[in-house]
Amino acid sequence: MASTKLAFLAVAVLLLQASWCAVARHHHDPDPCGNSDPAHRCSSLAVSPNGGTPAVMTVTSFENPGDGGSGPAACDGNYHWNGDPIAALSTAWYAGGSRCRKLIRITSTQTGRTVVATVWDECDSDSGCKDNMISTSQAVWDALGLDTNIGEVPVTWSDA
């Protein structure tokens, strides 16, 4: 009789633990920039307790246009070396330049690697960027163990 009660108690504990884990796995705070309202312009910090804000990353050159770059960086009007970890944020995340020279943490959802990059530019919709894009230098891709020939990769990011 005691062993039956003990077995029942063990099963009950396991069921409670499994249901708690399922709730914990699906509970998360909303992304501060993930408002579905199209008129919403994100200006809050992109910080999420779940590892960051989801984004799509592309590669770009921050060097002189003769080297394949698209122009000087919006933050300082200068060109930058692609060997440095550099990022350009989409217009909403760029937040009118409030993230200029700030560090952001980018994590590849494919490799799990993380790199810290400096925001030097805006990746605006006039140049083809979507609201959820981060354009980065070759150094970021190298640090994340990614091949730039892929074109676009899923990442998460947050302020560092």
C-alpha atoms as a PDB file:
ATOM      1  CA  MET A   1       0.000   0.000   0.000  1.00  0.00           C
ATOM      2  CA  ALA A   2       2.811   2.437   0.889  1.00  0.00           C
ATOM      3  CA  SER A   3       4.629   1.638  -2.365  1.00  0.00           C
ATOM      4  CA  THR A   4       1.444   2.392  -4.359  1.00  0.00           C
ATOM      5  CA  LYS A   5       1.080   5.776  -2.642  1.00  0.00           C
ATOM      6  CA  LEU A   6       4.756   6.516  -3.230  1.00  0.00           C
ATOM      7  CA  ALA A   7       4.449   5.600  -6.934  1.00  0.00           C
ATOM      8  CA  PHE A   8       1.340   7.792  -7.276  1.00  0.00           C
ATOM      9  CA  LEU A   9       3.144  10.685  -5.596  1.00  0.00           C
ATOM     10  CA  ALA A  10       6.173  10.261  -7.892  1.00  0.00           C
ATOM     11  CA  VAL A  11       3.944  10.316 -10.996  1.00  0.00           C
ATOM     12  CA  ALA A  12       2.120  13.426  -9.712  1.00  0.00           C
ATOM     13  CA  VAL A  13       5.426  15.227  -9.128  1.00  0.00           C
ATOM     14  CA  LEU A  14       6.659  14.321 -12.615  1.00  0.00           C
ATOM     15  CA  LEU A  15       3.420  15.557 -14.213  1.00  0.00           C
ATOM     16  CA  LEU A  16       3.573  18.844 -12.304  1.00  0.00           C
ATOM     17  CA  GLN A  17       7.206  19.316 -13.243  1.00  0.00           C
ATOM     18  CA  ALA A  18       6.486  18.622 -16.933  1.00  0.00           C
ATOM     19  CA  SER A  19       3.576  21.077 -17.022  1.00  0.00           C
ATOM     20  CA  TRP A  20       5.682  23.750 -15.260  1.00  0.00           C
ATOM     21  CA  CYS A  21       8.493  23.292 -17.800  1.00  0.00           C
ATOM     22  CA  ALA A  22       6.039  23.616 -20.680  1.00  0.00           C
ATOM     23  CA  VAL A  23       4.685  26.874 -19.250  1.00  0.00           C
ATOM     24  CA  ALA A  24       8.192  28.212 -18.638  1.00  0.00           C
ATOM     25  CA  ARG A  25       9.229  27.325 -22.188  1.00  0.00           C
ATOM     26  CA  HIS A  26       6.320  29.232 -23.732  1.00  0.00           C
ATOM     27  CA  HIS A  27       6.285  32.227 -21.383  1.00  0.00           C
ATOM     28  CA  HIS A  28       8.316  35.223 -22.406  1.00  0.00           C
ATOM     29  CA  ASP A  29       8.141  38.955 -22.205  1.00  0.00           C
ATOM     30  CA  PRO A  30       7.139  40.585 -25.466  1.00  0.00           C
ATOM     31  CA  ASP A  31       9.810  42.064 -27.665  1.00  0.00           C
ATOM     32  CA  PRO A  32       9.774  45.825 -27.031  1.00  0.00           C
ATOM     33  CA  CYS A  33      10.178  46.395 -30.768  1.00  0.00           C
ATOM     34  CA  GLY A  34       7.751  43.705 -31.878  1.00  0.00           C
ATOM     35  CA  ASN A  35       4.561  45.743 -31.843  1.00  0.00           C
ATOM     36  CA  SER A  36       2.254  44.639 -34.662  1.00  0.00           C
ATOM     37  CA  ASP A  37       0.925  48.175 -35.107  1.00  0.00           C
ATOM     38  CA  PRO A  38       2.447  49.410 -38.412  1.00  0.00           C
ATOM     39  CA  ALA A  39       2.469  52.988 -37.108  1.00  0.00           C
ATOM     40  CA  HIS A  40       4.658  51.944 -34.165  1.00  0.00           C
ATOM     41  CA  ARG A  41       8.229  53.165 -34.394  1.00  0.00           C
ATOM     42  CA  CYS A  42      10.545  51.392 -32.000  1.00  0.00           C
ATOM     43  CA  SER A  43      12.662  53.689 -29.919  1.00  0.00           C
ATOM     44  CA  SER A  44      13.002  51.548 -26.814  1.00  0.00           C
ATOM     45  CA  LEU A  45      16.019  49.428 -26.024  1.00  0.00           C
ATOM     46  CA  ALA A  46      16.010  46.107 -27.847  1.00  0.00           C
ATOM     47  CA  VAL A  47      16.510  43.955 -24.809  1.00  0.00           C
ATOM     48  CA  SER A  48      14.771  40.648 -24.370  1.00  0.00           C
ATOM     49  CA  PRO A  49      15.272  38.134 -21.563  1.00  0.00           C
ATOM     50  CA  ASN A  50      15.207  35.360 -24.174  1.00  0.00           C
ATOM     51  CA  GLY A  51      18.480  36.274 -25.872  1.00  0.00           C
ATOM     52  CA  GLY A  52      17.518  39.265 -27.941  1.00  0.00           C
ATOM     53  CA  THR A  53      15.282  40.625 -30.640  1.00  0.00           C
ATOM     54  CA  PRO A  54      14.888  38.417 -33.728  1.00  0.00           C
ATOM     55  CA  ALA A  55      16.350  39.910 -36.901  1.00  0.00           C
ATOM     56  CA  VAL A  56      17.646  39.069 -40.362  1.00  0.00           C
ATOM     57  CA  MET A  57      21.324  39.829 -40.922  1.00  0.00           C
ATOM     58  CA  THR A  58      22.934  40.769 -44.233  1.00  0.00           C
ATOM     59  CA  VAL A  59      26.510  41.664 -45.120  1.00  0.00           C
ATOM     60  CA  THR A  60      27.648  45.054 -46.385  1.00  0.00           C
ATOM     61  CA  SER A  61      30.856  46.980 -46.877  1.00  0.00           C
ATOM     62  CA  PHE A  62      31.611  49.986 -44.703  1.00  0.00           C
ATOM     63  CA  GLU A  63      34.734  50.858 -46.692  1.00  0.00           C
ATOM     64  CA  ASN A  64      35.252  53.468 -49.404  1.00  0.00           C
ATOM     65  CA  PRO A  65      32.759  53.100 -52.289  1.00  0.00           C
ATOM     66  CA  GLY A  66      35.648  52.052 -54.530  1.00  0.00           C
ATOM     67  CA  ASP A  67      36.007  49.034 -52.234  1.00  0.00           C
ATOM     68  CA  GLY A  68      32.337  48.059 -52.530  1.00  0.00           C
ATOM     69  CA  GLY A  69      30.933  50.295 -49.795  1.00  0.00           C
ATOM     70  CA  SER A  70      27.737  52.237 -50.190  1.00  0.00           C
ATOM     71  CA  GLY A  71      28.820  55.538 -48.654  1.00  0.00           C
ATOM     72  CA  PRO A  72      30.071  57.013 -45.414  1.00  0.00           C
ATOM     73  CA  ALA A  73      28.509  55.905 -42.129  1.00  0.00           C
ATOM     74  CA  ALA A  74      25.572  57.958 -40.873  1.00  0.00           C
ATOM     75  CA  CYS A  75      26.974  58.247 -37.340  1.00  0.00           C
ATOM     76  CA  ASP A  76      30.204  60.029 -38.197  1.00  0.00           C
ATOM     77  CA  GLY A  77      30.360  60.583 -41.967  1.00  0.00           C
ATOM     78  CA  ASN A  78      33.422  58.331 -42.251  1.00  0.00           C
ATOM     79  CA  TYR A  79      34.232  54.996 -43.844  1.00  0.00           C
ATOM     80  CA  HIS A  80      35.181  52.062 -41.638  1.00  0.00           C
ATOM     81  CA  TRP A  81      37.296  48.933 -42.069  1.00  0.00           C
ATOM     82  CA  ASN A  82      35.334  45.718 -42.737  1.00  0.00           C
ATOM     83  CA  GLY A  83      37.734  43.857 -40.451  1.00  0.00           C
ATOM     84  CA  ASP A  84      36.071  45.567 -37.475  1.00  0.00           C
ATOM     85  CA  PRO A  85      32.760  44.264 -36.128  1.00  0.00           C
ATOM     86  CA  ILE A  86      30.391  46.952 -37.417  1.00  0.00           C
ATOM     87  CA  ALA A  87      26.615  47.084 -37.721  1.00  0.00           C
ATOM     88  CA  ALA A  88      23.969  49.167 -39.437  1.00  0.00           C
ATOM     89  CA  LEU A  89      20.510  48.942 -37.878  1.00  0.00           C
ATOM     90  CA  SER A  90      17.175  49.274 -39.663  1.00  0.00           C
ATOM     91  CA  THR A  91      15.582  52.705 -39.345  1.00  0.00           C
ATOM     92  CA  ALA A  92      13.353  51.874 -36.366  1.00  0.00           C
ATOM     93  CA  TRP A  93      16.157  50.245 -34.396  1.00  0.00           C
ATOM     94  CA  TYR A  94      18.625  52.977 -35.371  1.00  0.00           C
ATOM     95  CA  ALA A  95      16.215  55.245 -33.487  1.00  0.00           C
ATOM     96  CA  GLY A  96      17.208  58.536 -35.080  1.00  0.00           C
ATOM     97  CA  GLY A  97      20.876  57.952 -34.336  1.00  0.00           C
ATOM     98  CA  SER A  98      20.456  57.289 -30.617  1.00  0.00           C
ATOM     99  CA  ARG A  99      22.339  53.994 -31.048  1.00  0.00           C
ATOM    100  CA  CYS A 100      25.314  55.585 -32.858  1.00  0.00           C
ATOM    101  CA  ARG A 101      28.614  54.300 -31.487  1.00  0.00           C
ATOM    102  CA  LYS A 102      26.728  51.952 -29.119  1.00  0.00           C
ATOM    103  CA  LEU A 103      27.643  48.297 -28.733  1.00  0.00           C
ATOM    104  CA  ILE A 104      25.140  45.598 -29.633  1.00  0.00           C
ATOM    105  CA  ARG A 105      25.339  41.846 -29.083  1.00  0.00           C
ATOM    106  CA  ILE A 106      24.494  39.713 -32.133  1.00  0.00           C
ATOM    107  CA  THR A 107      23.896  35.967 -31.824  1.00  0.00           C
ATOM    108  CA  SER A 108      23.608  33.548 -34.725  1.00  0.00           C
ATOM    109  CA  THR A 109      20.603  31.266 -34.373  1.00  0.00           C
ATOM    110  CA  GLN A 110      22.458  28.781 -36.599  1.00  0.00           C
ATOM    111  CA  THR A 111      25.829  28.534 -34.853  1.00  0.00           C
ATOM    112  CA  GLY A 112      24.961  29.847 -31.386  1.00  0.00           C
ATOM    113  CA  ARG A 113      28.016  32.124 -31.494  1.00  0.00           C
ATOM    114  CA  THR A 114      27.818  35.706 -30.248  1.00  0.00           C
ATOM    115  CA  VAL A 115      29.768  38.825 -31.206  1.00  0.00           C
ATOM    116  CA  VAL A 116      29.681  42.416 -29.992  1.00  0.00           C
ATOM    117  CA  ALA A 117      29.597  45.023 -32.773  1.00  0.00           C
ATOM    118  CA  THR A 118      29.517  48.816 -32.886  1.00  0.00           C
ATOM    119  CA  VAL A 119      26.599  50.593 -34.546  1.00  0.00           C
ATOM    120  CA  TRP A 120      28.001  53.068 -37.074  1.00  0.00           C
ATOM    121  CA  ASP A 121      25.229  53.324 -39.634  1.00  0.00           C
ATOM    122  CA  GLU A 122      21.557  53.180 -40.495  1.00  0.00           C
ATOM    123  CA  CYS A 123      20.286  50.524 -42.846  1.00  0.00           C
ATOM    124  CA  ASP A 124      17.312  52.460 -44.157  1.00  0.00           C
ATOM    125  CA  SER A 125      14.424  51.310 -46.318  1.00  0.00           C
ATOM    126  CA  ASP A 126      15.663  53.509 -49.185  1.00  0.00           C
ATOM    127  CA  SER A 127      18.666  51.187 -49.468  1.00  0.00           C
ATOM    128  CA  GLY A 128      16.519  48.047 -49.373  1.00  0.00           C
ATOM    129  CA  CYS A 129      16.516  47.264 -45.660  1.00  0.00           C
ATOM    130  CA  LYS A 130      13.385  45.867 -44.086  1.00  0.00           C
ATOM    131  CA  ASP A 131      12.294  46.813 -40.571  1.00  0.00           C
ATOM    132  CA  ASN A 132      13.839  43.668 -39.084  1.00  0.00           C
ATOM    133  CA  MET A 133      17.295  43.867 -40.703  1.00  0.00           C
ATOM    134  CA  ILE A 134      20.804  44.361 -39.437  1.00  0.00           C
ATOM    135  CA  SER A 135      23.547  44.848 -41.991  1.00  0.00           C
ATOM    136  CA  THR A 136      27.016  43.957 -40.753  1.00  0.00           C
ATOM    137  CA  SER A 137      30.658  43.859 -41.780  1.00  0.00           C
ATOM    138  CA  GLN A 138      32.572  40.762 -42.867  1.00  0.00           C
ATOM    139  CA  ALA A 139      34.162  40.626 -39.398  1.00  0.00           C
ATOM    140  CA  VAL A 140      30.764  39.965 -37.771  1.00  0.00           C
ATOM    141  CA  TRP A 141      30.051  37.086 -40.148  1.00  0.00           C
ATOM    142  CA  ASP A 142      33.511  35.635 -39.538  1.00  0.00           C
ATOM    143  CA  ALA A 143      33.100  35.848 -35.752  1.00  0.00           C
ATOM    144  CA  LEU A 144      29.727  34.092 -35.980  1.00  0.00           C
ATOM    145  CA  GLY A 145      31.177  31.345 -38.200  1.00  0.00           C
ATOM    146  CA  LEU A 146      28.876  32.187 -41.118  1.00  0.00           C
ATOM    147  CA  ASP A 147      29.412  32.247 -44.889  1.00  0.00           C
ATOM    148  CA  THR A 148      28.432  35.574 -46.467  1.00  0.00           C
ATOM    149  CA  ASN A 149      27.420  33.753 -49.657  1.00  0.00           C
ATOM    150  CA  ILE A 150      24.255  32.696 -47.824  1.00  0.00           C
ATOM    151  CA  GLY A 151      23.022  36.293 -48.160  1.00  0.00           C
ATOM    152  CA  GLU A 152      20.644  36.519 -45.216  1.00  0.00           C
ATOM    153  CA  VAL A 153      20.679  34.674 -41.898  1.00  0.00           C
ATOM    154  CA  PRO A 154      18.478  34.724 -38.806  1.00  0.00           C
ATOM    155  CA  VAL A 155      20.050  36.283 -35.707  1.00  0.00           C
ATOM    156  CA  THR A 156      19.017  37.851 -32.443  1.00  0.00           C
ATOM    157  CA  TRP A 157      20.407  41.088 -31.097  1.00  0.00           C
ATOM    158  CA  SER A 158      20.331  43.235 -27.987  1.00  0.00           C
ATOM    159  CA  ASP A 159      22.098  46.264 -26.628  1.00  0.00           C
ATOM    160  CA  ALA A 160      25.386  45.124 -25.086  1.00  0.00           C
END
